[in-house]
């Protein structure tokens, strides 16, 4: 499992309400992507003000790159004025207090529940 963090800067004057409308316009697209495990839409606060981010959980970098192709990058640039920054991380473990679970993933993406909390 991998986590992909996508960050980008908003144009001057871009507000949360405007961004939330943009988010609403793409949620069905992301819900229909069967490779996507989870996605969070983030609005920068404090020193991160003026930025946004998406945090994605994918089964592989290849699945991420398939969804985040050149067409997608150009759409982000058109909306924000610049290309996003993309970083990948190996999802080794997750504490999910809402579900009461702790899960680990092996390097090949196999999960196992470690503890139910």
PDB file of N, CA and C in Angstrom:
ATOM      1  N   UNK A   1       0.851  -1.177   0.000  1.00  0.00           N
ATOM      2  CA  UNK A   1       0.000   0.000   0.000  1.00  0.00           C
ATOM      3  C   UNK A   1       0.892   1.233   0.000  1.00  0.00           C
ATOM      4  N   UNK A   2       0.453   2.243  -0.695  1.00  0.00           N
ATOM      5  CA  UNK A   2       1.207   3.493  -0.683  1.00  0.00           C
ATOM      6  C   UNK A   2       0.278   4.652  -0.340  1.00  0.00           C
ATOM      7  N   UNK A   3       0.881   5.688   0.201  1.00  0.00           N
ATOM      8  CA  UNK A   3       0.195   6.963   0.413  1.00  0.00           C
ATOM      9  C   UNK A   3       0.840   7.948  -0.547  1.00  0.00           C
ATOM     10  N   UNK A   4       0.014   8.670  -1.249  1.00  0.00           N
ATOM     11  CA  UNK A   4       0.466   9.713  -2.162  1.00  0.00           C
ATOM     12  C   UNK A   4      -0.034  11.037  -1.588  1.00  0.00           C
ATOM     13  N   UNK A   5       0.867  11.992  -1.437  1.00  0.00           N
ATOM     14  CA  UNK A   5       0.488  13.322  -0.970  1.00  0.00           C
ATOM     15  C   UNK A   5       0.715  14.297  -2.109  1.00  0.00           C
ATOM     16  N   UNK A   6      -0.369  14.936  -2.510  1.00  0.00           N
ATOM     17  CA  UNK A   6      -0.346  15.900  -3.609  1.00  0.00           C
ATOM     18  C   UNK A   6      -0.598  17.276  -3.010  1.00  0.00           C
ATOM     19  N   UNK A   7       0.307  18.216  -3.246  1.00  0.00           N
ATOM     20  CA  UNK A   7       0.124  19.577  -2.741  1.00  0.00           C
ATOM     21  C   UNK A   7       0.158  20.564  -3.892  1.00  0.00           C
ATOM     22  N   UNK A   8      -0.520  21.681  -3.687  1.00  0.00           N
ATOM     23  CA  UNK A   8      -0.573  22.726  -4.710  1.00  0.00           C
ATOM     24  C   UNK A   8      -0.925  24.046  -4.049  1.00  0.00           C
ATOM     25  N   UNK A   9      -0.594  25.136  -4.713  1.00  0.00           N
ATOM     26  CA  UNK A   9      -0.907  26.484  -4.233  1.00  0.00           C
ATOM     27  C   UNK A   9      -2.171  26.973  -4.908  1.00  0.00           C
ATOM     28  N   UNK A  10      -2.992  27.679  -4.149  1.00  0.00           N
ATOM     29  CA  UNK A  10      -4.187  28.287  -4.712  1.00  0.00           C
ATOM     30  C   UNK A  10      -3.874  29.672  -5.237  1.00  0.00           C
ATOM     31  N   UNK A  11      -4.614  30.123  -6.246  1.00  0.00           N
ATOM     32  CA  UNK A  11      -4.440  31.503  -6.706  1.00  0.00           C
ATOM     33  C   UNK A  11      -4.936  32.483  -5.647  1.00  0.00           C
ATOM     34  N   UNK A  12      -4.434  33.697  -5.679  1.00  0.00           N
ATOM     35  CA  UNK A  12      -4.848  34.729  -4.716  1.00  0.00           C
ATOM     36  C   UNK A  12      -6.367  34.875  -4.738  1.00  0.00           C
ATOM     37  N   UNK A  13      -6.945  34.995  -3.557  1.00  0.00           N
ATOM     38  CA  UNK A  13      -8.375  35.195  -3.438  1.00  0.00           C
ATOM     39  C   UNK A  13      -9.206  33.927  -3.456  1.00  0.00           C
ATOM     40  N   UNK A  14      -8.567  32.788  -3.679  1.00  0.00           N
ATOM     41  CA  UNK A  14      -9.303  31.515  -3.700  1.00  0.00           C
ATOM     42  C   UNK A  14      -9.762  31.215  -2.281  1.00  0.00           C
ATOM     43  N   UNK A  15     -11.053  30.961  -2.080  1.00  0.00           N
ATOM     44  CA  UNK A  15     -11.535  30.707  -0.724  1.00  0.00           C
ATOM     45  C   UNK A  15     -12.030  29.271  -0.562  1.00  0.00           C
ATOM     46  N   UNK A  16     -12.258  28.907   0.689  1.00  0.00           N
ATOM     47  CA  UNK A  16     -12.645  27.530   1.019  1.00  0.00           C
ATOM     48  C   UNK A  16     -13.951  27.134   0.328  1.00  0.00           C
ATOM     49  N   UNK A  17     -14.923  28.035   0.293  1.00  0.00           N
ATOM     50  CA  UNK A  17     -16.210  27.726  -0.335  1.00  0.00           C
ATOM     51  C   UNK A  17     -16.042  27.407  -1.815  1.00  0.00           C
ATOM     52  N   UNK A  18     -15.204  28.181  -2.494  1.00  0.00           N
ATOM     53  CA  UNK A  18     -14.933  27.925  -3.916  1.00  0.00           C
ATOM     54  C   UNK A  18     -14.267  26.572  -4.092  1.00  0.00           C
ATOM     55  N   UNK A  19     -13.314  26.272  -3.232  1.00  0.00           N
ATOM     56  CA  UNK A  19     -12.616  24.991  -3.330  1.00  0.00           C
ATOM     57  C   UNK A  19     -13.549  23.831  -3.002  1.00  0.00           C
ATOM     58  N   UNK A  20     -14.430  24.016  -2.032  1.00  0.00           N
ATOM     59  CA  UNK A  20     -15.368  22.957  -1.693  1.00  0.00           C
ATOM     60  C   UNK A  20     -16.283  22.634  -2.877  1.00  0.00           C
ATOM     61  N   UNK A  21     -16.661  23.635  -3.631  1.00  0.00           N
ATOM     62  CA  UNK A  21     -17.452  23.390  -4.846  1.00  0.00           C
ATOM     63  C   UNK A  21     -16.646  22.570  -5.855  1.00  0.00           C
ATOM     64  N   UNK A  22     -15.361  22.894  -5.993  1.00  0.00           N
ATOM     65  CA  UNK A  22     -14.503  22.118  -6.895  1.00  0.00           C
ATOM     66  C   UNK A  22     -14.390  20.672  -6.406  1.00  0.00           C
ATOM     67  N   UNK A  23     -14.263  20.489  -5.100  1.00  0.00           N
ATOM     68  CA  UNK A  23     -14.190  19.148  -4.518  1.00  0.00           C
ATOM     69  C   UNK A  23     -15.473  18.383  -4.844  1.00  0.00           C
ATOM     70  N   UNK A  24     -16.615  19.019  -4.630  1.00  0.00           N
ATOM     71  CA  UNK A  24     -17.894  18.355  -4.897  1.00  0.00           C
ATOM     72  C   UNK A  24     -18.034  17.933  -6.354  1.00  0.00           C
ATOM     73  N   UNK A  25     -17.395  18.680  -7.248  1.00  0.00           N
ATOM     74  CA  UNK A  25     -17.514  18.362  -8.672  1.00  0.00           C
ATOM     75  C   UNK A  25     -16.697  17.133  -9.081  1.00  0.00           C
ATOM     76  N   UNK A  26     -15.788  16.666  -8.224  1.00  0.00           N
ATOM     77  CA  UNK A  26     -14.950  15.517  -8.590  1.00  0.00           C
ATOM     78  C   UNK A  26     -15.112  14.307  -7.672  1.00  0.00           C
ATOM     79  N   UNK A  27     -15.927  14.404  -6.638  1.00  0.00           N
ATOM     80  CA  UNK A  27     -16.022  13.272  -5.704  1.00  0.00           C
ATOM     81  C   UNK A  27     -16.550  12.007  -6.374  1.00  0.00           C
ATOM     82  N   UNK A  28     -17.495  12.131  -7.294  1.00  0.00           N
ATOM     83  CA  UNK A  28     -18.019  10.938  -7.963  1.00  0.00           C
ATOM     84  C   UNK A  28     -16.956  10.273  -8.837  1.00  0.00           C
ATOM     85  N   UNK A  29     -16.119  11.117  -9.466  1.00  0.00           N
ATOM     86  CA  UNK A  29     -15.017  10.571 -10.277  1.00  0.00           C
ATOM     87  C   UNK A  29     -14.099   9.722  -9.409  1.00  0.00           C
ATOM     88  N   UNK A  30     -13.732  10.249  -8.238  1.00  0.00           N
ATOM     89  CA  UNK A  30     -12.835   9.503  -7.363  1.00  0.00           C
ATOM     90  C   UNK A  30     -13.530   8.297  -6.765  1.00  0.00           C
ATOM     91  N   UNK A  31     -14.813   8.405  -6.451  1.00  0.00           N
ATOM     92  CA  UNK A  31     -15.558   7.261  -5.914  1.00  0.00           C
ATOM     93  C   UNK A  31     -15.646   6.125  -6.932  1.00  0.00           C
ATOM     94  N   UNK A  32     -15.650   6.464  -8.216  1.00  0.00           N
ATOM     95  CA  UNK A  32     -15.740   5.460  -9.268  1.00  0.00           C
ATOM     96  C   UNK A  32     -14.401   4.795  -9.588  1.00  0.00           C
ATOM     97  N   UNK A  33     -13.298   5.349  -9.086  1.00  0.00           N
ATOM     98  CA  UNK A  33     -11.971   4.779  -9.364  1.00  0.00           C
ATOM     99  C   UNK A  33     -11.760   3.574  -8.447  1.00  0.00           C
ATOM    100  N   UNK A  34     -11.849   2.391  -8.999  1.00  0.00           N
ATOM    101  CA  UNK A  34     -11.774   1.162  -8.199  1.00  0.00           C
ATOM    102  C   UNK A  34     -10.374   0.876  -7.650  1.00  0.00           C
ATOM    103  N   UNK A  35      -9.340   1.535  -8.194  1.00  0.00           N
ATOM    104  CA  UNK A  35      -7.994   1.378  -7.647  1.00  0.00           C
ATOM    105  C   UNK A  35      -7.800   2.194  -6.368  1.00  0.00           C
ATOM    106  N   UNK A  36      -8.540   3.276  -6.235  1.00  0.00           N
ATOM    107  CA  UNK A  36      -8.376   4.179  -5.096  1.00  0.00           C
ATOM    108  C   UNK A  36      -8.958   3.556  -3.829  1.00  0.00           C
ATOM    109  N   UNK A  37      -8.150   3.496  -2.781  1.00  0.00           N
ATOM    110  CA  UNK A  37      -8.599   2.963  -1.500  1.00  0.00           C
ATOM    111  C   UNK A  37      -9.253   4.070  -0.678  1.00  0.00           C
ATOM    112  N   UNK A  38      -8.619   5.237  -0.631  1.00  0.00           N
ATOM    113  CA  UNK A  38      -9.107   6.335   0.213  1.00  0.00           C
ATOM    114  C   UNK A  38      -8.519   7.646  -0.299  1.00  0.00           C
ATOM    115  N   UNK A  39      -9.272   8.732  -0.128  1.00  0.00           N
ATOM    116  CA  UNK A  39      -8.784  10.063  -0.507  1.00  0.00           C
ATOM    117  C   UNK A  39      -9.325  11.090   0.477  1.00  0.00           C
ATOM    118  N   UNK A  40      -8.452  11.985   0.902  1.00  0.00           N
ATOM    119  CA  UNK A  40      -8.843  13.126   1.714  1.00  0.00           C
ATOM    120  C   UNK A  40      -8.497  14.398   0.958  1.00  0.00           C
ATOM    121  N   UNK A  41      -9.395  15.368   1.014  1.00  0.00           N
ATOM    122  CA  UNK A  41      -9.184  16.690   0.433  1.00  0.00           C
ATOM    123  C   UNK A  41      -8.817  17.626   1.577  1.00  0.00           C
ATOM    124  N   UNK A  42      -7.705  18.351   1.455  1.00  0.00           N
ATOM    125  CA  UNK A  42      -7.224  19.190   2.551  1.00  0.00           C
ATOM    126  C   UNK A  42      -7.159  20.658   2.154  1.00  0.00           C
ATOM    127  N   UNK A  43      -7.479  21.524   3.113  1.00  0.00           N
ATOM    128  CA  UNK A  43      -7.427  22.984   2.973  1.00  0.00           C
ATOM    129  C   UNK A  43      -6.378  23.480   3.966  1.00  0.00           C
ATOM    130  N   UNK A  44      -5.353  24.168   3.481  1.00  0.00           N
ATOM    131  CA  UNK A  44      -4.246  24.610   4.333  1.00  0.00           C
ATOM    132  C   UNK A  44      -4.669  25.626   5.390  1.00  0.00           C
ATOM    133  N   UNK A  45      -4.153  25.442   6.598  1.00  0.00           N
ATOM    134  CA  UNK A  45      -4.385  26.354   7.725  1.00  0.00           C
ATOM    135  C   UNK A  45      -3.059  26.891   8.228  1.00  0.00           C
ATOM    136  N   UNK A  46      -3.090  28.014   8.946  1.00  0.00           N
ATOM    137  CA  UNK A  46      -1.875  28.569   9.535  1.00  0.00           C
ATOM    138  C   UNK A  46      -0.824  28.827   8.483  1.00  0.00           C
ATOM    139  N   UNK A  47       0.389  28.320   8.702  1.00  0.00           N
ATOM    140  CA  UNK A  47       1.471  28.561   7.739  1.00  0.00           C
ATOM    141  C   UNK A  47       1.239  27.846   6.410  1.00  0.00           C
ATOM    142  N   UNK A  48       0.282  26.925   6.358  1.00  0.00           N
ATOM    143  CA  UNK A  48      -0.069  26.251   5.107  1.00  0.00           C
ATOM    144  C   UNK A  48      -1.207  26.962   4.371  1.00  0.00           C
ATOM    145  N   UNK A  49      -1.660  28.097   4.891  1.00  0.00           N
ATOM    146  CA  UNK A  49      -2.743  28.850   4.243  1.00  0.00           C
ATOM    147  C   UNK A  49      -2.353  29.153   2.798  1.00  0.00           C
ATOM    148  N   UNK A  50      -3.328  29.090   1.922  1.00  0.00           N
ATOM    149  CA  UNK A  50      -3.071  29.338   0.508  1.00  0.00           C
ATOM    150  C   UNK A  50      -2.667  28.100  -0.260  1.00  0.00           C
ATOM    151  N   UNK A  51      -2.664  26.960   0.434  1.00  0.00           N
ATOM    152  CA  UNK A  51      -2.321  25.703  -0.221  1.00  0.00           C
ATOM    153  C   UNK A  51      -3.447  24.698  -0.018  1.00  0.00           C
ATOM    154  N   UNK A  52      -3.429  23.700  -0.843  1.00  0.00           N
ATOM    155  CA  UNK A  52      -4.343  22.581  -0.700  1.00  0.00           C
ATOM    156  C   UNK A  52      -3.562  21.304  -0.862  1.00  0.00           C
ATOM    157  N   UNK A  53      -4.198  20.203  -0.492  1.00  0.00           N
ATOM    158  CA  UNK A  53      -3.536  18.912  -0.634  1.00  0.00           C
ATOM    159  C   UNK A  53      -4.578  17.823  -0.792  1.00  0.00           C
ATOM    160  N   UNK A  54      -4.144  16.762  -1.387  1.00  0.00           N
ATOM    161  CA  UNK A  54      -4.921  15.531  -1.440  1.00  0.00           C
ATOM    162  C   UNK A  54      -4.053  14.430  -0.874  1.00  0.00           C
ATOM    163  N   UNK A  55      -4.638  13.631  -0.017  1.00  0.00           N
ATOM    164  CA  UNK A  55      -3.934  12.477   0.523  1.00  0.00           C
ATOM    165  C   UNK A  55      -4.682  11.249   0.015  1.00  0.00           C
ATOM    166  N   UNK A  56      -3.959  10.418  -0.718  1.00  0.00           N
ATOM    167  CA  UNK A  56      -4.546   9.258  -1.374  1.00  0.00           C
ATOM    168  C   UNK A  56      -3.903   7.988  -0.837  1.00  0.00           C
ATOM    169  N   UNK A  57      -4.684   6.935  -0.718  1.00  0.00           N
ATOM    170  CA  UNK A  57      -4.150   5.607  -0.433  1.00  0.00           C
ATOM    171  C   UNK A  57      -4.442   4.750  -1.664  1.00  0.00           C
ATOM    172  N   UNK A  58      -3.366   4.182  -2.203  1.00  0.00           N
ATOM    173  CA  UNK A  58      -3.420   3.369  -3.420  1.00  0.00           C
ATOM    174  C   UNK A  58      -2.766   2.022  -3.163  1.00  0.00           C
ATOM    175  N   UNK A  59      -3.113   1.010  -3.951  1.00  0.00           N
ATOM    176  CA  UNK A  59      -2.408  -0.260  -3.817  1.00  0.00           C
ATOM    177  C   UNK A  59      -0.994  -0.211  -4.385  1.00  0.00           C
ATOM    178  N   UNK A  60      -0.727   0.763  -5.294  1.00  0.00           N
ATOM    179  CA  UNK A  60       0.603   0.847  -5.913  1.00  0.00           C
ATOM    180  C   UNK A  60       0.827   2.245  -6.495  1.00  0.00           C
ATOM    181  N   UNK A  61       2.094   2.561  -6.736  1.00  0.00           N
ATOM    182  CA  UNK A  61       2.430   3.821  -7.408  1.00  0.00           C
ATOM    183  C   UNK A  61       1.864   3.812  -8.826  1.00  0.00           C
ATOM    184  N   UNK A  62       1.877   2.661  -9.465  1.00  0.00           N
ATOM    185  CA  UNK A  62       1.353   2.570 -10.824  1.00  0.00           C
ATOM    186  C   UNK A  62      -0.123   2.967 -10.887  1.00  0.00           C
ATOM    187  N   UNK A  63      -0.918   2.538  -9.902  1.00  0.00           N
ATOM    188  CA  UNK A  63      -2.338   2.916  -9.856  1.00  0.00           C
ATOM    189  C   UNK A  63      -2.482   4.425  -9.701  1.00  0.00           C
ATOM    190  N   UNK A  64      -1.619   5.008  -8.875  1.00  0.00           N
ATOM    191  CA  UNK A  64      -1.636   6.461  -8.682  1.00  0.00           C
ATOM    192  C   UNK A  64      -1.316   7.190  -9.976  1.00  0.00           C
ATOM    193  N   UNK A  65      -0.265   6.748 -10.636  1.00  0.00           N
ATOM    194  CA  UNK A  65       0.157   7.415 -11.874  1.00  0.00           C
ATOM    195  C   UNK A  65      -0.874   7.265 -12.990  1.00  0.00           C
ATOM    196  N   UNK A  66      -1.601   6.166 -12.985  1.00  0.00           N
ATOM    197  CA  UNK A  66      -2.665   5.975 -13.966  1.00  0.00           C
ATOM    198  C   UNK A  66      -3.754   7.035 -13.781  1.00  0.00           C
ATOM    199  N   UNK A  67      -4.104   7.319 -12.540  1.00  0.00           N
ATOM    200  CA  UNK A  67      -5.134   8.328 -12.247  1.00  0.00           C
ATOM    201  C   UNK A  67      -4.603   9.744 -12.387  1.00  0.00           C
ATOM    202  N   UNK A  68      -3.352   9.943 -12.056  1.00  0.00           N
ATOM    203  CA  UNK A  68      -2.744  11.279 -12.084  1.00  0.00           C
ATOM    204  C   UNK A  68      -1.850  11.415 -13.309  1.00  0.00           C
ATOM    205  N   UNK A  69      -2.491  11.342 -14.452  1.00  0.00           N
ATOM    206  CA  UNK A  69      -1.788  11.430 -15.728  1.00  0.00           C
ATOM    207  C   UNK A  69      -1.600  12.898 -16.143  1.00  0.00           C
ATOM    208  N   UNK A  70      -1.099  13.093 -17.332  1.00  0.00           N
ATOM    209  CA  UNK A  70      -0.820  14.448 -17.816  1.00  0.00           C
ATOM    210  C   UNK A  70      -2.091  15.285 -17.936  1.00  0.00           C
ATOM    211  N   UNK A  71      -3.177  14.686 -18.332  1.00  0.00           N
ATOM    212  CA  UNK A  71      -4.456  15.415 -18.422  1.00  0.00           C
ATOM    213  C   UNK A  71      -4.873  15.947 -17.049  1.00  0.00           C
ATOM    214  N   UNK A  72      -4.727  15.106 -16.025  1.00  0.00           N
ATOM    215  CA  UNK A  72      -5.050  15.526 -14.658  1.00  0.00           C
ATOM    216  C   UNK A  72      -4.128  16.655 -14.201  1.00  0.00           C
ATOM    217  N   UNK A  73      -2.822  16.520 -14.476  1.00  0.00           N
ATOM    218  CA  UNK A  73      -1.865  17.568 -14.084  1.00  0.00           C
ATOM    219  C   UNK A  73      -2.216  18.900 -14.745  1.00  0.00           C
ATOM    220  N   UNK A  74      -2.597  18.871 -16.010  1.00  0.00           N
ATOM    221  CA  UNK A  74      -2.970  20.098 -16.716  1.00  0.00           C
ATOM    222  C   UNK A  74      -4.244  20.697 -16.130  1.00  0.00           C
ATOM    223  N   UNK A  75      -5.180  19.856 -15.711  1.00  0.00           N
ATOM    224  CA  UNK A  75      -6.412  20.354 -15.082  1.00  0.00           C
ATOM    225  C   UNK A  75      -6.102  21.045 -13.750  1.00  0.00           C
ATOM    226  N   UNK A  76      -5.169  20.484 -12.983  1.00  0.00           N
ATOM    227  CA  UNK A  76      -4.759  21.132 -11.724  1.00  0.00           C
ATOM    228  C   UNK A  76      -4.112  22.477 -12.027  1.00  0.00           C
ATOM    229  N   UNK A  77      -3.251  22.510 -13.031  1.00  0.00           N
ATOM    230  CA  UNK A  77      -2.588  23.768 -13.393  1.00  0.00           C
ATOM    231  C   UNK A  77      -3.611  24.821 -13.818  1.00  0.00           C
ATOM    232  N   UNK A  78      -4.600  24.415 -14.596  1.00  0.00           N
ATOM    233  CA  UNK A  78      -5.623  25.358 -15.053  1.00  0.00           C
ATOM    234  C   UNK A  78      -6.414  25.920 -13.870  1.00  0.00           C
ATOM    235  N   UNK A  79      -6.710  25.073 -12.886  1.00  0.00           N
ATOM    236  CA  UNK A  79      -7.514  25.489 -11.723  1.00  0.00           C
ATOM    237  C   UNK A  79      -6.719  26.316 -10.723  1.00  0.00           C
ATOM    238  N   UNK A  80      -5.423  25.987 -10.563  1.00  0.00           N
ATOM    239  CA  UNK A  80      -4.640  26.615  -9.494  1.00  0.00           C
ATOM    240  C   UNK A  80      -3.546  27.551  -9.986  1.00  0.00           C
ATOM    241  N   UNK A  81      -3.200  27.454 -11.255  1.00  0.00           N
ATOM    242  CA  UNK A  81      -2.122  28.283 -11.790  1.00  0.00           C
ATOM    243  C   UNK A  81      -0.755  27.632 -11.768  1.00  0.00           C
ATOM    244  N   UNK A  82      -0.656  26.423 -11.214  1.00  0.00           N
ATOM    245  CA  UNK A  82       0.636  25.740 -11.167  1.00  0.00           C
ATOM    246  C   UNK A  82       0.456  24.235 -11.077  1.00  0.00           C
ATOM    247  N   UNK A  83       1.528  23.528 -11.367  1.00  0.00           N
ATOM    248  CA  UNK A  83       1.483  22.071 -11.283  1.00  0.00           C
ATOM    249  C   UNK A  83       1.571  21.621  -9.828  1.00  0.00           C
ATOM    250  N   UNK A  84       0.987  20.482  -9.505  1.00  0.00           N
ATOM    251  CA  UNK A  84       1.067  19.958  -8.141  1.00  0.00           C
ATOM    252  C   UNK A  84       2.432  19.324  -7.871  1.00  0.00           C
ATOM    253  N   UNK A  85       2.748  19.207  -6.602  1.00  0.00           N
ATOM    254  CA  UNK A  85       3.898  18.438  -6.143  1.00  0.00           C
ATOM    255  C   UNK A  85       3.366  17.105  -5.638  1.00  0.00           C
ATOM    256  N   UNK A  86       3.981  16.020  -6.068  1.00  0.00           N
ATOM    257  CA  UNK A  86       3.520  14.681  -5.702  1.00  0.00           C
ATOM    258  C   UNK A  86       4.650  13.944  -4.993  1.00  0.00           C
ATOM    259  N   UNK A  87       4.302  13.344  -3.835  1.00  0.00           N
ATOM    260  CA  UNK A  87       5.269  12.549  -3.078  1.00  0.00           C
ATOM    261  C   UNK A  87       4.615  11.228  -2.693  1.00  0.00           C
ATOM    262  N   UNK A  88       5.411  10.163  -2.702  1.00  0.00           N
ATOM    263  CA  UNK A  88       4.918   8.819  -2.401  1.00  0.00           C
ATOM    264  C   UNK A  88       5.566   8.293  -1.124  1.00  0.00           C
ATOM    265  N   UNK A  89       4.773   7.529  -0.371  1.00  0.00           N
ATOM    266  CA  UNK A  89       5.241   6.931   0.871  1.00  0.00           C
ATOM    267  C   UNK A  89       4.715   5.503   0.971  1.00  0.00           C
ATOM    268  N   UNK A  90       5.519   4.620   1.537  1.00  0.00           N
ATOM    269  CA  UNK A  90       5.098   3.252   1.820  1.00  0.00           C
ATOM    270  C   UNK A  90       4.211   3.294   3.062  1.00  0.00           C
ATOM    271  N   UNK A  91       2.972   2.836   2.941  1.00  0.00           N
ATOM    272  CA  UNK A  91       2.070   2.782   4.091  1.00  0.00           C
ATOM    273  C   UNK A  91       2.394   1.521   4.878  1.00  0.00           C
ATOM    274  N   UNK A  92       3.138   1.688   5.963  1.00  0.00           N
ATOM    275  CA  UNK A  92       3.586   0.546   6.763  1.00  0.00           C
ATOM    276  C   UNK A  92       2.549   0.138   7.804  1.00  0.00           C
ATOM    277  N   UNK A  93       1.897   1.138   8.420  1.00  0.00           N
ATOM    278  CA  UNK A  93       0.938   0.829   9.488  1.00  0.00           C
ATOM    279  C   UNK A  93      -0.058   1.969   9.614  1.00  0.00           C
ATOM    280  N   UNK A  94      -1.225   1.627  10.151  1.00  0.00           N
ATOM    281  CA  UNK A  94      -2.279   2.622  10.333  1.00  0.00           C
ATOM    282  C   UNK A  94      -3.018   2.343  11.636  1.00  0.00           C
ATOM    283  N   UNK A  95      -3.218   3.366  12.434  1.00  0.00           N
ATOM    284  CA  UNK A  95      -4.086   3.308  13.598  1.00  0.00           C
ATOM    285  C   UNK A  95      -5.397   3.956  13.182  1.00  0.00           C
ATOM    286  N   UNK A  96      -6.477   3.227  13.262  1.00  0.00           N
ATOM    287  CA  UNK A  96      -7.797   3.749  12.891  1.00  0.00           C
ATOM    288  C   UNK A  96      -8.690   3.686  14.125  1.00  0.00           C
ATOM    289  N   UNK A  97      -8.728   4.773  14.865  1.00  0.00           N
ATOM    290  CA  UNK A  97      -9.522   4.813  16.087  1.00  0.00           C
ATOM    291  C   UNK A  97     -11.019   4.763  15.810  1.00  0.00           C
ATOM    292  N   UNK A  98     -11.452   5.271  14.652  1.00  0.00           N
ATOM    293  CA  UNK A  98     -12.873   5.228  14.314  1.00  0.00           C
ATOM    294  C   UNK A  98     -13.341   3.779  14.145  1.00  0.00           C
ATOM    295  N   UNK A  99     -12.481   2.939  13.590  1.00  0.00           N
ATOM    296  CA  UNK A  99     -12.810   1.520  13.384  1.00  0.00           C
ATOM    297  C   UNK A  99     -12.292   0.632  14.511  1.00  0.00           C
ATOM    298  N   UNK A 100     -11.432   1.194  15.362  1.00  0.00           N
ATOM    299  CA  UNK A 100     -10.874   0.421  16.467  1.00  0.00           C
ATOM    300  C   UNK A 100      -9.859  -0.615  16.016  1.00  0.00           C
ATOM    301  N   UNK A 101      -9.054  -0.265  14.983  1.00  0.00           N
ATOM    302  CA  UNK A 101      -8.094  -1.237  14.459  1.00  0.00           C
ATOM    303  C   UNK A 101      -6.711  -0.627  14.306  1.00  0.00           C
ATOM    304  N   UNK A 102      -5.734  -1.506  14.317  1.00  0.00           N
ATOM    305  CA  UNK A 102      -4.364  -1.182  13.932  1.00  0.00           C
ATOM    306  C   UNK A 102      -4.007  -2.192  12.850  1.00  0.00           C
ATOM    307  N   UNK A 103      -3.547  -1.698  11.708  1.00  0.00           N
ATOM    308  CA  UNK A 103      -3.227  -2.560  10.579  1.00  0.00           C
ATOM    309  C   UNK A 103      -1.806  -2.301  10.132  1.00  0.00           C
ATOM    310  N   UNK A 104      -1.105  -3.357   9.768  1.00  0.00           N
ATOM    311  CA  UNK A 104       0.222  -3.260   9.167  1.00  0.00           C
ATOM    312  C   UNK A 104       0.149  -3.809   7.752  1.00  0.00           C
ATOM    313  N   UNK A 105       1.040  -3.287   6.877  1.00  0.00           N
ATOM    314  CA  UNK A 105       1.166  -3.798   5.526  1.00  0.00           C
ATOM    315  C   UNK A 105       2.605  -4.236   5.304  1.00  0.00           C
ATOM    316  N   UNK A 106       2.771  -5.371   4.655  1.00  0.00           N
ATOM    317  CA  UNK A 106       4.106  -5.821   4.275  1.00  0.00           C
ATOM    318  C   UNK A 106       4.560  -5.001   3.077  1.00  0.00           C
ATOM    319  N   UNK A 107       5.819  -5.119   2.711  1.00  0.00           N
ATOM    320  CA  UNK A 107       6.372  -4.362   1.584  1.00  0.00           C
ATOM    321  C   UNK A 107       5.663  -4.697   0.276  1.00  0.00           C
ATOM    322  N   UNK A 108       5.075  -5.892   0.170  1.00  0.00           N
ATOM    323  CA  UNK A 108       4.355  -6.260  -1.055  1.00  0.00           C
ATOM    324  C   UNK A 108       2.863  -5.949  -0.983  1.00  0.00           C
ATOM    325  N   UNK A 109       2.435  -5.200   0.054  1.00  0.00           N
ATOM    326  CA  UNK A 109       1.066  -4.711   0.130  1.00  0.00           C
ATOM    327  C   UNK A 109       0.074  -5.610   0.830  1.00  0.00           C
ATOM    328  N   UNK A 110       0.527  -6.700   1.415  1.00  0.00           N
ATOM    329  CA  UNK A 110      -0.377  -7.592   2.128  1.00  0.00           C
ATOM    330  C   UNK A 110      -0.640  -7.018   3.523  1.00  0.00           C
ATOM    331  N   UNK A 111      -1.908  -6.913   3.886  1.00  0.00           N
ATOM    332  CA  UNK A 111      -2.244  -6.324   5.176  1.00  0.00           C
ATOM    333  C   UNK A 111      -2.512  -7.415   6.217  1.00  0.00           C
ATOM    334  N   UNK A 112      -2.347  -7.007   7.456  1.00  0.00           N
ATOM    335  CA  UNK A 112      -2.758  -7.858   8.560  1.00  0.00           C
ATOM    336  C   UNK A 112      -3.148  -6.961   9.720  1.00  0.00           C
ATOM    337  N   UNK A 113      -4.266  -7.315  10.343  1.00  0.00           N
ATOM    338  CA  UNK A 113      -4.704  -6.566  11.521  1.00  0.00           C
ATOM    339  C   UNK A 113      -3.844  -7.000  12.693  1.00  0.00           C
ATOM    340  N   UNK A 114      -3.277  -6.041  13.376  1.00  0.00           N
ATOM    341  CA  UNK A 114      -2.371  -6.336  14.470  1.00  0.00           C
ATOM    342  C   UNK A 114      -3.108  -6.371  15.796  1.00  0.00           C
ATOM    343  N   UNK A 115      -3.918  -5.363  16.029  1.00  0.00           N
ATOM    344  CA  UNK A 115      -4.592  -5.212  17.324  1.00  0.00           C
ATOM    345  C   UNK A 115      -5.946  -4.582  17.064  1.00  0.00           C
ATOM    346  N   UNK A 116      -6.909  -5.024  17.791  1.00  0.00           N
ATOM    347  CA  UNK A 116      -8.175  -4.304  17.816  1.00  0.00           C
ATOM    348  C   UNK A 116      -8.180  -3.511  19.102  1.00  0.00           C
ATOM    349  N   UNK A 117      -8.310  -2.201  18.967  1.00  0.00           N
ATOM    350  CA  UNK A 117      -8.241  -1.319  20.136  1.00  0.00           C
ATOM    351  C   UNK A 117      -9.606  -0.931  20.637  1.00  0.00           C
TER     352      UNK A 117
END
